[in-house]
Protein backbone atom coordinates (compact mmCIF):
# COMPACT_ATOMS: atom_id res chain seq x y z
CA MET A 1 0.00 0.00 0.00
CA SER A 2 1.37 3.41 -0.92
CA LYS A 3 2.13 6.16 1.56
CA SER A 4 -0.68 8.35 0.19
CA VAL A 5 -3.21 5.62 0.82
CA TYR A 6 -2.04 5.31 4.43
CA VAL A 7 -2.39 9.09 4.87
CA ALA A 8 -5.88 9.06 3.38
CA ALA A 9 -6.94 6.19 5.62
CA ILE A 10 -5.64 8.01 8.70
CA VAL A 11 -7.51 11.20 7.70
CA VAL A 12 -10.77 9.30 7.12
CA ALA A 13 -10.39 7.51 10.44
CA ALA A 14 -9.73 10.78 12.20
CA LEU A 15 -12.75 12.46 10.61
CA GLY A 16 -14.89 9.45 11.40
CA GLY A 17 -13.77 9.51 14.99
CA ALA A 18 -14.44 13.21 15.24
CA GLY A 19 -17.87 12.68 13.71
CA LEU A 20 -18.73 9.92 16.16
CA PHE A 21 -17.52 12.06 19.03
CA ALA A 22 -19.67 14.96 17.88
CA LEU A 23 -22.66 12.65 17.44
CA ASN A 24 -22.21 11.16 20.88
CA THR A 25 -21.83 14.62 22.34
CA ASN A 26 -25.01 15.77 20.59
CA ILE A 27 -26.93 12.71 21.78
CA ALA A 28 -25.66 13.27 25.31
CA GLU A 29 -26.71 16.91 25.20
CA HIS A 30 -30.20 16.03 23.95
CA LYS A 31 -30.54 13.30 26.58
CA GLY A 32 -29.59 15.90 29.11
CA GLU A 33 -32.21 18.25 27.71
CA SER A 34 -34.86 15.58 27.82
CA LYS A 35 -34.06 14.88 31.46
CA THR A 36 -34.40 18.51 32.42
CA GLN A 37 -37.70 19.07 30.61
CA PRO A 38 -40.28 20.00 31.60
CA LEU A 39 -38.61 22.52 33.89
CA LYS A 40 -41.06 24.13 36.25
CA THR A 41 -39.94 27.65 37.11
CA PHE A 42 -43.09 29.69 37.70
CA GLU A 43 -45.76 28.85 40.23
CA ILE A 44 -49.15 28.14 38.68
CA SER A 45 -52.52 27.59 40.31
CA ASP A 46 -56.26 27.41 39.72
CA GLU A 47 -56.41 31.02 40.91
CA GLU A 48 -54.79 32.11 37.64
CA PRO A 49 -55.76 29.71 34.84
CA ASP A 50 -54.49 31.99 32.06
CA PHE A 51 -52.74 29.82 29.45
CA ALA A 52 -50.03 32.49 29.08
CA LYS A 53 -49.00 32.06 32.73
CA TRP A 54 -49.15 28.26 32.70
CA GLY A 55 -47.32 28.19 29.37
CA ARG A 56 -44.22 29.92 30.75
CA ASN A 57 -43.24 26.54 32.16
CA PHE A 58 -44.25 24.63 29.04
CA PRO A 59 -43.34 26.74 26.01
CA ALA A 60 -43.58 23.90 23.47
CA GLN A 61 -47.13 23.08 24.54
CA LEU A 62 -48.04 26.77 24.61
CA ASP A 63 -46.71 27.21 21.06
CA GLY A 64 -49.03 24.44 19.90
CA TYR A 65 -51.99 25.92 21.78
CA LEU A 66 -51.45 29.36 20.28
CA GLN A 67 -51.35 27.92 16.76
CA MET A 68 -55.06 27.19 17.18
CA LYS A 69 -55.72 30.92 16.94
CA ASP A 70 -55.05 30.83 13.20
CA GLU A 71 -56.09 27.29 12.30
CA TYR A 72 -58.94 27.20 9.80
CA ILE A 73 -58.70 23.66 8.49
CA GLU A 74 -61.25 22.65 5.87
CA THR A 75 -62.08 18.95 5.60
CA PRO A 76 -64.96 17.37 3.64
CA PHE A 77 -67.26 17.17 6.68
CA GLY A 78 -65.46 18.63 9.72
CA GLY A 79 -62.38 20.72 10.32
CA SER A 80 -62.28 24.09 12.07
CA LEU A 81 -63.60 26.40 9.34
CA PRO A 82 -66.72 27.97 10.92
CA TYR A 83 -69.12 27.67 7.99
CA SER A 84 -72.88 27.60 8.52
CA LYS A 85 -74.04 24.00 8.82
CA ILE A 86 -77.71 24.90 8.42
CA ILE A 87 -76.99 26.65 5.12
CA ARG A 88 -75.10 23.59 3.90
CA TRP A 89 -77.74 21.12 5.14
CA PRO A 90 -81.01 23.12 5.50
CA ALA A 91 -83.11 20.06 6.42
CA ALA A 92 -81.77 20.71 9.94
CA THR A 93 -83.84 23.93 10.14
CA THR A 94 -87.01 21.84 9.95
CA PHE A 95 -85.80 19.26 12.45
CA TRP A 96 -84.85 22.01 14.94
CA ASN A 97 -87.84 24.25 14.17
CA GLY A 98 -88.75 25.72 17.56
CA TYR A 99 -85.17 25.68 18.89
CA ALA A 100 -82.27 28.12 18.66
CA PHE A 101 -80.15 25.82 16.49
CA ALA A 102 -82.59 26.37 13.61
CA VAL A 103 -81.58 30.05 13.62
CA ASP A 104 -77.80 29.82 13.83
CA TYR A 105 -75.41 26.87 13.81
CA SER A 106 -71.87 27.25 12.52
CA LYS A 107 -69.11 24.68 12.71
CA PRO A 108 -67.16 25.51 15.89
CA ARG A 109 -63.60 26.79 15.57
CA THR A 110 -60.72 25.42 17.66
CA HIS A 111 -60.60 25.23 21.45
CA TYR A 112 -58.92 28.66 21.49
CA TYR A 113 -62.31 30.09 20.44
CA SER A 114 -64.62 27.92 22.53
CA GLN A 115 -65.71 30.85 24.70
CA ILE A 116 -65.72 33.47 21.95
CA ASP A 117 -67.81 31.31 19.62
CA GLN A 118 -70.39 30.79 22.32
CA MET A 119 -70.57 34.47 23.20
CA GLU A 120 -71.01 35.47 19.55
CA THR A 121 -73.52 32.89 18.29
CA LYS A 122 -77.07 34.11 17.75
CA ARG A 123 -78.17 31.14 19.85
CA ASN A 124 -76.94 33.16 22.80
CA ASN A 125 -78.59 36.41 21.70
CA LYS A 126 -81.93 36.78 23.48
CA GLU A 127 -83.12 39.83 21.55
CA TYR A 128 -82.24 38.30 18.19
CA LEU A 129 -84.00 35.03 18.91
CA ASN A 130 -87.05 36.81 20.34
CA ALA A 131 -87.33 38.66 17.03
CA HIS A 132 -86.69 35.58 14.88
CA GLY A 133 -89.29 32.99 15.79
CA LEU A 134 -88.57 32.35 19.45
CA PRO A 135 -90.42 35.11 21.37
CA ALA A 136 -90.40 33.16 24.63
CA PHE A 137 -86.64 32.55 24.69
CA LYS A 138 -85.26 33.89 27.99
CA GLY A 139 -81.54 33.54 27.34
CA GLN A 140 -79.08 30.72 27.88
CA PRO A 141 -78.31 29.60 31.44
CA GLY A 142 -74.88 29.72 33.03
CA ALA A 143 -74.71 25.94 32.63
CA CYS A 144 -73.59 26.61 29.05
CA VAL A 145 -70.36 28.00 30.47
CA ASN A 146 -69.21 24.59 31.74
CA CYS A 147 -67.25 23.46 28.72
CA HIS A 148 -66.51 26.80 27.10
CA THR A 149 -64.45 28.69 29.66
CA GLY A 150 -61.03 28.05 31.15
CA PHE A 151 -62.27 29.59 34.38
CA LEU A 152 -64.62 26.81 35.48
CA THR A 153 -62.25 25.42 38.12
CA ALA A 154 -61.68 28.93 39.45
CA ILE A 155 -65.45 29.48 39.58
CA TYR A 156 -66.16 26.58 41.92
CA LYS A 157 -62.79 26.28 43.66
CA SER A 158 -60.60 29.40 43.86
CA ASP A 159 -60.61 31.96 46.65
CA LYS A 160 -60.50 34.72 44.04
CA LEU A 161 -63.61 33.86 42.03
CA SER A 162 -65.78 31.28 43.79
CA PRO A 163 -67.07 33.74 46.48
CA SER A 164 -68.85 35.56 43.63
CA PHE A 165 -71.01 32.45 43.21
CA MET A 166 -71.69 31.73 46.90
CA LEU A 167 -75.27 32.93 46.80
CA GLY A 168 -76.78 30.43 49.20
CA LYS A 169 -77.80 26.81 48.98
CA THR A 170 -81.00 25.63 47.39
CA GLU A 171 -83.28 22.77 48.29
CA VAL A 172 -82.68 21.01 44.98
CA MET A 173 -78.92 21.32 45.28
CA GLY A 174 -78.82 19.89 48.78
CA ALA A 175 -80.86 16.86 47.79
CA LYS A 176 -78.62 15.79 44.94
CA LYS A 177 -75.71 13.41 45.34
CA MET A 178 -72.81 14.54 43.21
CA GLY A 179 -69.81 12.23 43.15
CA PHE A 180 -67.39 14.91 42.02
CA PHE A 181 -67.96 17.17 45.03
CA ASP A 182 -68.39 14.33 47.51
CA ALA A 183 -64.74 13.38 46.87
CA PHE A 184 -63.65 16.70 48.41
CA GLY A 185 -65.42 16.13 51.74
CA GLU A 186 -66.56 19.28 53.57
CA LYS A 187 -64.84 21.54 51.07
CA GLY A 188 -66.91 19.91 48.35
CA GLU A 189 -70.12 21.41 49.76
CA ALA A 190 -68.91 24.95 49.10
CA MET A 191 -67.69 23.96 45.62
CA LYS A 192 -71.06 22.37 44.90
CA GLU A 193 -72.85 25.53 45.97
CA ALA A 194 -70.76 27.73 43.68
CA TRP A 195 -71.17 25.37 40.70
CA THR A 196 -74.92 24.97 41.20
CA ASN A 197 -75.46 28.71 41.43
CA MET A 198 -73.37 29.25 38.31
CA ASN A 199 -75.49 26.76 36.35
CA LYS A 200 -78.76 28.46 37.06
CA MET A 201 -77.80 32.13 36.71
CA PRO A 202 -78.00 33.81 33.27
CA TYR A 203 -75.04 33.06 31.02
CA PHE A 204 -73.81 36.62 30.60
CA ASP A 205 -74.10 37.25 34.36
CA VAL A 206 -71.55 34.47 34.84
CA MET A 207 -69.21 36.00 32.29
CA LYS A 208 -69.60 39.43 33.90
CA LYS A 209 -68.41 38.03 37.22
CA VAL A 210 -65.39 36.50 35.50
CA GLU A 211 -64.66 39.83 33.81
CA GLU A 212 -64.86 41.70 37.12
CA LYS A 213 -62.04 39.55 38.54
CA TYR A 214 -59.94 38.82 35.47
CA GLY A 215 -60.77 41.51 32.93
CA ASP A 216 -61.92 41.30 29.34
CA GLY A 217 -60.21 39.72 26.33
CA ILE A 218 -58.61 36.37 25.58
CA HIS A 219 -56.76 36.25 28.91
CA GLY A 220 -59.94 37.17 30.75
CA SER A 221 -63.62 36.55 30.17
CA HIS A 222 -63.06 35.51 26.53
CA MET A 223 -60.61 32.75 27.36
CA GLY A 224 -61.69 29.35 26.06
CA SER A 225 -60.46 25.88 26.93
CA THR A 226 -57.06 26.06 28.58
CA CYS A 227 -54.33 24.19 30.48
CA ALA A 228 -56.18 24.16 33.82
CA ASP A 229 -59.07 22.22 32.30
CA CYS A 230 -57.00 19.07 31.86
CA HIS A 231 -53.88 19.46 34.00
CA ASN A 232 -53.16 19.59 37.72
CA PRO A 233 -51.11 22.70 38.64
CA ASP A 234 -49.06 20.75 41.19
CA ASP A 235 -47.42 18.33 38.76
CA MET A 236 -49.20 18.82 35.41
CA SER A 237 -50.69 15.31 35.63
CA LEU A 238 -53.93 14.83 33.74
CA ARG A 239 -57.20 15.54 35.52
CA VAL A 240 -60.85 16.03 34.69
CA THR A 241 -62.40 19.19 36.11
CA ARG A 242 -65.97 19.08 34.80
CA PRO A 243 -68.26 17.99 37.65
CA ALA A 244 -71.01 16.65 35.36
CA PHE A 245 -68.63 14.10 33.84
CA VAL A 246 -67.51 12.73 37.19
CA ASN A 247 -71.06 12.77 38.57
CA ALA A 248 -72.21 10.67 35.62
CA MET A 249 -69.25 8.28 35.79
CA VAL A 250 -69.82 7.68 39.51
CA LEU A 251 -73.42 6.76 38.78
CA ARG A 252 -72.07 4.22 36.25
CA GLY A 253 -69.87 2.65 38.92
CA TYR A 254 -66.57 4.48 38.55
CA GLU A 255 -64.81 6.15 41.50
CA ALA A 256 -64.21 9.87 41.97
CA ASP A 257 -60.84 11.25 43.06
CA ALA A 258 -60.12 14.66 44.60
CA LYS A 259 -56.90 15.20 42.63
CA SER A 260 -57.58 13.71 39.21
CA GLY A 261 -61.37 13.95 39.24
CA ILE A 262 -61.71 10.24 38.68
CA LYS A 263 -59.55 7.22 39.45
CA ALA A 264 -58.08 6.03 36.18
CA SER A 265 -54.86 5.04 34.45
CA ARG A 266 -52.91 7.65 32.50
CA LYS A 267 -54.06 5.99 29.28
CA GLU A 268 -57.71 6.23 30.35
CA MET A 269 -57.19 9.85 31.27
CA ARG A 270 -56.09 10.57 27.69
CA ASN A 271 -59.72 9.77 26.81
CA TYR A 272 -61.40 11.21 29.87
CA VAL A 273 -59.98 14.73 29.50
CA CYS A 274 -61.83 14.91 26.17
CA MET A 275 -64.87 12.93 27.30
CA GLN A 276 -65.60 15.48 30.02
CA CYS A 277 -67.05 17.78 27.35
CA HIS A 278 -67.50 15.90 24.05
CA VAL A 279 -70.77 14.24 25.07
CA GLU A 280 -74.55 14.35 24.99
CA TYR A 281 -75.92 16.45 27.88
CA TYR A 282 -78.94 18.43 29.06
CA PHE A 283 -79.88 20.87 31.80
CA GLU A 284 -82.15 19.29 34.42
CA GLY A 285 -84.62 21.02 36.73
CA LYS A 286 -84.99 24.58 37.92
CA ASP A 287 -81.27 24.68 38.81
CA SER A 288 -80.36 23.88 35.17
CA THR A 289 -78.02 21.20 36.49
CA LEU A 290 -75.70 20.04 33.74
CA THR A 291 -76.38 16.31 33.44
CA PHE A 292 -74.99 13.52 31.24
CA PRO A 293 -77.68 10.87 30.47
CA TRP A 294 -75.47 7.89 31.19
CA THR A 295 -77.16 5.81 33.89
CA LYS A 296 -78.37 3.22 31.35
CA TRP A 297 -74.88 2.99 29.82
CA LYS A 298 -73.24 0.17 31.78
CA LYS A 299 -69.72 0.40 33.10
CA ASP A 300 -67.00 -0.95 30.77
CA GLU A 301 -69.48 -1.57 27.95
CA ALA A 302 -69.87 0.09 24.58
CA PHE A 303 -72.65 2.65 24.31
CA LYS A 304 -75.79 1.80 22.32
CA ILE A 305 -78.38 4.29 21.11
CA GLU A 306 -81.04 2.37 23.05
CA ASN A 307 -79.33 3.60 26.25
CA PHE A 308 -80.56 7.11 25.39
CA ASP A 309 -84.06 5.82 24.53
CA GLU A 310 -84.40 4.11 27.87
CA TYR A 311 -82.99 7.08 29.81
CA TYR A 312 -85.05 9.81 28.17
CA ASP A 313 -88.24 7.70 28.12
CA GLU A 314 -87.88 7.32 31.87
CA LYS A 315 -87.27 11.05 32.32
CA PHE A 316 -90.29 11.79 30.15
CA ALA A 317 -92.51 9.46 32.16
CA ASN A 318 -91.49 10.83 35.58
CA GLY A 319 -91.51 14.45 34.38
CA GLU A 320 -87.90 15.16 35.36
CA PHE A 321 -86.93 16.08 31.80
CA PRO A 322 -89.65 15.66 29.17
CA TYR A 323 -88.00 17.55 26.30
CA ASP A 324 -85.58 20.21 25.07
CA TYR A 325 -88.11 21.88 22.77
CA ILE A 326 -91.41 21.33 21.01
CA GLN A 327 -91.06 20.99 17.23
CA LYS A 328 -93.35 23.65 15.77
CA ASP A 329 -94.79 21.65 12.85
CA THR A 330 -95.71 18.48 14.72
CA LYS A 331 -95.90 19.65 18.40
CA THR A 332 -93.64 16.72 19.23
CA LYS A 333 -91.53 16.96 22.38
CA ILE A 334 -87.99 16.58 21.09
CA ILE A 335 -84.65 15.75 22.69
CA LYS A 336 -81.85 17.75 21.06
CA MET A 337 -78.69 15.68 20.80
CA GLN A 338 -75.48 17.62 21.39
CA HIS A 339 -72.17 16.12 20.22
CA PRO A 340 -71.87 12.58 21.64
CA GLU A 341 -68.30 11.80 20.58
CA ALA A 342 -67.51 10.00 23.86
CA GLU A 343 -70.52 7.72 23.61
CA MET A 344 -70.02 6.82 19.95
CA TYR A 345 -66.27 6.32 20.18
CA SER A 346 -66.77 3.68 22.90
CA SER A 347 -68.05 1.22 20.27
CA SER A 348 -65.24 1.80 17.79
CA LEU A 349 -62.47 -0.52 16.70
CA HIS A 350 -59.92 2.14 17.66
CA TYR A 351 -61.28 2.34 21.21
CA ARG A 352 -61.25 -1.42 21.60
CA SER A 353 -57.67 -1.41 20.33
CA GLY A 354 -56.60 0.98 23.07
CA VAL A 355 -56.29 4.11 20.95
CA THR A 356 -57.17 7.28 22.87
CA CYS A 357 -58.61 10.62 21.74
CA ALA A 358 -55.25 12.33 22.40
CA ASP A 359 -53.37 9.79 20.25
CA CYS A 360 -55.16 10.99 17.10
CA HIS A 361 -56.16 14.59 17.87
CA MET A 362 -53.01 15.53 19.83
CA PRO A 363 -50.34 13.24 18.37
CA TYR A 364 -46.83 13.33 19.73
CA LYS A 365 -44.27 15.51 18.01
CA ARG A 366 -40.58 16.21 18.43
CA ASP A 367 -39.38 19.45 20.01
CA GLY A 368 -35.61 19.18 20.03
CA ALA A 369 -34.79 16.12 22.10
CA ASN A 370 -38.22 16.07 23.72
CA LYS A 371 -41.33 14.22 22.68
CA VAL A 372 -44.33 16.42 23.45
CA THR A 373 -48.06 16.14 22.92
CA ASN A 374 -49.15 18.53 20.21
CA HIS A 375 -51.54 21.03 21.80
CA ASN A 376 -52.67 22.33 18.43
CA ILE A 377 -55.81 20.19 18.69
CA LEU A 378 -57.26 19.42 15.27
CA SER A 379 -58.85 16.82 13.06
CA PRO A 380 -56.42 13.95 12.36
CA LEU A 381 -56.87 14.85 8.69
CA ALA A 382 -54.73 17.94 9.36
CA ASP A 383 -51.66 15.73 9.89
CA ILE A 384 -52.25 12.14 8.76
CA ASN A 385 -48.55 11.39 9.11
CA ALA A 386 -48.46 12.14 12.85
CA ALA A 387 -51.99 11.04 13.72
CA CYS A 388 -52.33 7.78 11.76
CA LYS A 389 -49.04 6.57 10.36
CA THR A 390 -47.54 5.78 13.75
CA CYS A 391 -49.79 2.70 13.64
CA HIS A 392 -50.79 2.37 9.96
CA PRO A 393 -47.94 1.79 7.47
CA GLN A 394 -49.99 2.68 4.39
CA SER A 395 -49.47 5.88 2.43
CA GLU A 396 -51.22 9.10 3.44
CA GLN A 397 -53.44 8.90 0.36
CA VAL A 398 -54.55 5.36 1.18
CA LEU A 399 -55.45 6.45 4.71
CA LYS A 400 -57.34 9.52 3.46
CA ASP A 401 -59.24 7.30 1.05
CA ARG A 402 -60.25 5.02 3.92
CA ILE A 403 -61.65 7.98 5.84
CA SER A 404 -63.52 9.18 2.77
CA PHE A 405 -64.87 5.66 2.25
CA ILE A 406 -66.49 5.79 5.69
CA GLN A 407 -67.66 9.41 5.71
CA ASN A 408 -69.14 9.42 2.19
CA ARG A 409 -71.26 6.39 3.01
CA HIS A 410 -72.29 7.95 6.30
CA ALA A 411 -73.35 11.12 4.46
CA TYR A 412 -75.30 9.19 1.81
CA GLU A 413 -77.25 7.15 4.34
CA LEU A 414 -77.80 10.22 6.53
CA ARG A 415 -79.41 12.08 3.63
CA GLY A 416 -81.80 9.11 3.31
CA CYS A 417 -82.60 9.36 7.02
CA GLU A 418 -83.29 13.08 6.55
CA ASN A 419 -85.70 12.36 3.70
CA ASN A 420 -87.74 9.94 5.78
CA LEU A 421 -87.77 12.22 8.81
CA LEU A 422 -88.82 15.22 6.72
CA ALA A 423 -91.58 13.07 5.22
CA LEU A 424 -92.86 12.07 8.65
CA ILE A 425 -92.88 15.70 9.84
CA ALA A 426 -94.75 16.84 6.71
CA ASP A 427 -97.38 14.14 7.15
CA ILE A 428 -97.90 14.82 10.86
CA LYS A 429 -98.31 18.50 10.06
CA THR A 430 -100.95 17.65 7.42
CA ALA A 431 -102.69 15.25 9.79
CA ARG A 432 -102.91 17.90 12.49
CA GLU A 433 -104.45 20.34 10.04
CA GLU A 434 -107.03 17.78 8.89
CA LEU A 435 -107.96 16.74 12.41
CA ALA A 436 -108.29 20.38 13.47
CA LYS A 437 -111.08 20.80 10.93
CA LEU A 438 -113.27 18.20 12.67
CA PRO A 439 -115.94 19.55 15.04
CA GLU A 440 -114.64 17.64 18.07
CA PHE A 441 -111.36 19.53 17.77
CA ALA A 442 -112.34 22.77 16.00
CA ASN A 443 -114.47 23.92 18.92
CA LEU A 444 -111.68 23.61 21.49
CA GLU A 445 -109.36 26.36 22.70
CA ASP A 446 -105.96 26.38 21.01
CA LYS A 447 -103.98 24.53 23.69
CA ALA A 448 -106.78 22.08 24.42
CA ARG A 449 -107.07 21.37 20.67
CA ASP A 450 -103.34 20.84 20.33
CA ASP A 451 -103.29 18.49 23.30
CA ALA A 452 -106.30 16.53 22.08
CA ILE A 453 -104.81 16.07 18.61
CA SER A 454 -101.46 15.08 20.07
CA LYS A 455 -103.23 12.39 22.06
CA VAL A 456 -104.70 10.96 18.85
CA ILE A 457 -101.35 10.82 17.05
CA GLU A 458 -99.09 10.10 20.03
CA LYS A 459 -97.56 6.96 18.48
CA ALA A 460 -96.52 8.87 15.38
CA GLN A 461 -95.09 11.62 17.58
CA TYR A 462 -93.12 9.08 19.57
CA ALA A 463 -91.68 7.78 16.30
CA HIS A 464 -90.76 11.36 15.41
CA ARG A 465 -88.96 11.84 18.72
CA LYS A 466 -87.13 8.51 18.39
CA ALA A 467 -86.11 9.02 14.74
CA HIS A 468 -84.95 12.55 15.55
CA ILE A 469 -82.58 11.30 18.25
CA ARG A 470 -80.99 9.00 15.68
CA TRP A 471 -80.69 11.70 13.04
CA ASP A 472 -79.26 14.22 15.51
CA VAL A 473 -76.66 11.80 16.91
CA SER A 474 -75.50 11.00 13.37
CA PHE A 475 -75.54 14.65 12.25
CA SER A 476 -74.16 16.45 15.30
CA GLU A 477 -71.44 13.99 16.35
CA ASN A 478 -68.28 15.55 15.01
CA SER A 479 -66.59 12.62 13.26
CA TYR A 480 -69.32 12.23 10.61
CA GLY A 481 -69.36 8.48 11.06
CA PHE A 482 -65.66 7.82 11.50
CA HIS A 483 -65.68 7.26 15.27
CA SER A 484 -67.85 4.15 14.97
CA PRO A 485 -68.93 3.31 11.39
CA GLN A 486 -70.86 0.14 12.19
CA GLU A 487 -72.84 1.64 15.07
CA PHE A 488 -73.63 4.72 13.02
CA MET A 489 -74.96 2.56 10.16
CA ARG A 490 -77.19 0.75 12.68
CA ILE A 491 -78.45 4.06 14.07
CA ILE A 492 -79.12 5.64 10.67
CA GLY A 493 -80.88 2.48 9.52
CA GLN A 494 -83.13 2.72 12.55
CA CYS A 495 -83.80 6.39 11.79
CA LYS A 496 -85.13 5.55 8.34
CA GLU A 497 -87.16 2.59 9.59
CA VAL A 498 -88.67 4.33 12.62
CA ALA A 499 -89.68 7.36 10.53
CA ARG A 500 -91.56 5.11 8.10
CA GLU A 501 -93.19 3.27 11.00
CA GLY A 502 -94.32 6.66 12.27
CA GLN A 503 -96.10 7.32 8.99
CA ALA A 504 -97.88 3.97 9.29
CA GLU A 505 -98.91 4.79 12.86
CA LEU A 506 -100.21 8.13 11.62
CA ALA A 507 -102.37 6.49 8.96
CA ASN A 508 -103.78 4.10 11.56
CA ALA A 509 -104.57 6.99 13.92
CA LEU A 510 -106.40 8.93 11.21
CA ALA A 511 -108.51 6.00 9.95
CA PRO A 512 -111.18 6.12 12.71
CA TYR A 513 -111.81 9.76 11.80
CA GLY A 514 -112.29 8.98 8.12
CA ILE A 515 -109.18 10.90 7.17
CA LYS A 516 -106.81 9.51 4.57
CA ILE A 517 -103.71 11.38 3.51
CA GLU A 518 -101.19 10.46 0.85
CA LEU A 519 -98.06 9.57 2.75
CA THR A 520 -94.92 11.36 1.60
CA LYS A 521 -92.22 9.25 -0.03
CA THR A 522 -89.83 11.89 -1.28
CA ALA A 523 -89.76 14.94 0.95
CA THR A 524 -89.06 18.53 -0.02
CA ILE A 525 -85.87 19.93 1.45
CA PRO A 526 -86.46 23.45 2.81
CA ALA A 527 -84.63 26.43 1.33
CA ALA A 528 -81.33 27.35 2.96
CA PRO A 529 -81.54 30.27 5.41
CA LEU A 530 -79.83 33.55 4.64
CA LYS A 531 -76.27 34.21 5.73
CA LEU A 532 -76.14 36.02 9.08
CA ASP A 533 -74.09 39.10 9.96
CA HIS A 534 -71.32 37.33 11.83
CA LYS A 535 -67.78 38.62 11.86
CA PRO A 536 -65.93 36.58 9.17
CA PRO A 537 -65.12 33.78 8.88
CA THR A 538 -67.88 32.66 11.28
CA GLY A 539 -71.10 31.75 9.51
CA ALA A 540 -69.35 31.52 6.14
CA LEU A 541 -71.10 29.95 3.18
CA PRO A 542 -70.13 26.35 2.33
CA THR A 543 -67.09 26.32 0.02
CA GLU A 544 -67.10 25.05 -3.55
CA ALA A 545 -65.18 21.98 -2.38
CA MET A 546 -67.93 21.20 0.15
CA LYS A 547 -70.63 21.65 -2.49
CA LYS A 548 -68.82 19.21 -4.76
CA VAL A 549 -68.55 16.66 -1.97
CA ASP A 550 -72.28 16.94 -1.28
CA GLU A 551 -73.16 16.65 -4.96
CA ASP A 552 -70.92 13.60 -5.32
CA VAL A 553 -72.54 12.00 -2.28
CA LYS A 554 -76.01 12.73 -3.64
CA ASN A 555 -75.15 11.03 -6.96
CA LEU A 556 -73.24 8.13 -5.42
CA ASN A 557 -70.16 9.48 -7.14
CA PHE A 558 -67.65 8.06 -4.72
CA LYS A 559 -65.59 4.90 -4.49
């Protein structure tokens, strides 16, 4: 071997050694970084839930959170672009006729805007609703605040804010067992009093009290979901802070915990922090107590839609909660479904495989040497690579196609459900008009006539109520079928079947009176409402891409 070759070999070896040394040094430095993070420097507490103060200790998580301010992700059926859903799918205005959602319902933005969106929607504008078909609307209760403010823990727990809600105990409050507050012993009684009073006072009175202590703006009364909602200030461990969630879980057989809200593994908590708000709920009694209808949903079992039937039928029979609103066309007492993601996800393949909400909506990301949970909370479609490909080796396009496969079929079947439900509503409306012409009803006072006719057609009305629950679950749940495709198909199938059964019941009810109406097969979809005067982009018109998706679904133009 020549001398030059020896020299070259020595140089390469030296460079290689230097490179390995540098690599080892870099790895060591990053390992050191990872051991020192998170570094808690500033004291944080429930007294000051401002994300800016909590985020000083956790800058990577704060960066992700703040990105939500400018995230307007458009997906075929979800995302965070706040377009008007009732303009895109106007059949909903008939289904919710008599309720505020028929007037204004935009797709919510990100968690950064959860309070702002609620303050700005027309559904929370008493004067507007009074002038637009709901003259008896008295304003939303404070119970609406529960999952839209970052100040909830401060409201029922902190020395700074909770005294503003200590307005005295009520008889109803004292009689109710609430697992969340019971876990705190004597202190829990005061917390329960503050929370109960908040629920029943007017919404904007609650926000005024927050503003008096913390000021206006995004760090004050306009602050939406924040760190304190899901993390303990002592050690940043996960916790649930919404009393209604824990109360409902205790009634299902789970155990409350003063620190974490509920006794659970860390993996379970990665579901529970989301489940504390992404649910079906209602406000019960004169205290407007926020309640999750879960007592028929057995512990450690998947939810079934029949669990809601059984629960709300029982509440109807005993008078504790007969309805959310009366549908104007049919006079049917309707339950408005909210957004039951927690319930529907429990029957999914992902849930049974141990995948949590945070795994897909807050996937891990690298920040230097650290692995952190992405707090820019979005649809998994915003980052398929991070959300899905950690488990699924297929290409991003293949995974997107799988999602489209599910959601397009969900949309197609849901439009069929809407047709049958619209048909039932149209026929009940016609039947009421025909019955009202008969002497035995025409001579009655308005309310007595309405009640007497409702008695005649009560089986058809029950079918309306039951079919509506199925439509609303399938429409309002935010995954548009993806969270549990098989259960959604079962629910939508029932919607179509029950609506048709309602028409048959209607025909049977009319027969003794000699009335025969032609039952509707293909219903007329109502015209879309006009665009409202929201500050853009809220209430935006559906995009051209959305219109194409809907047209393709209508014509079965999908794979």
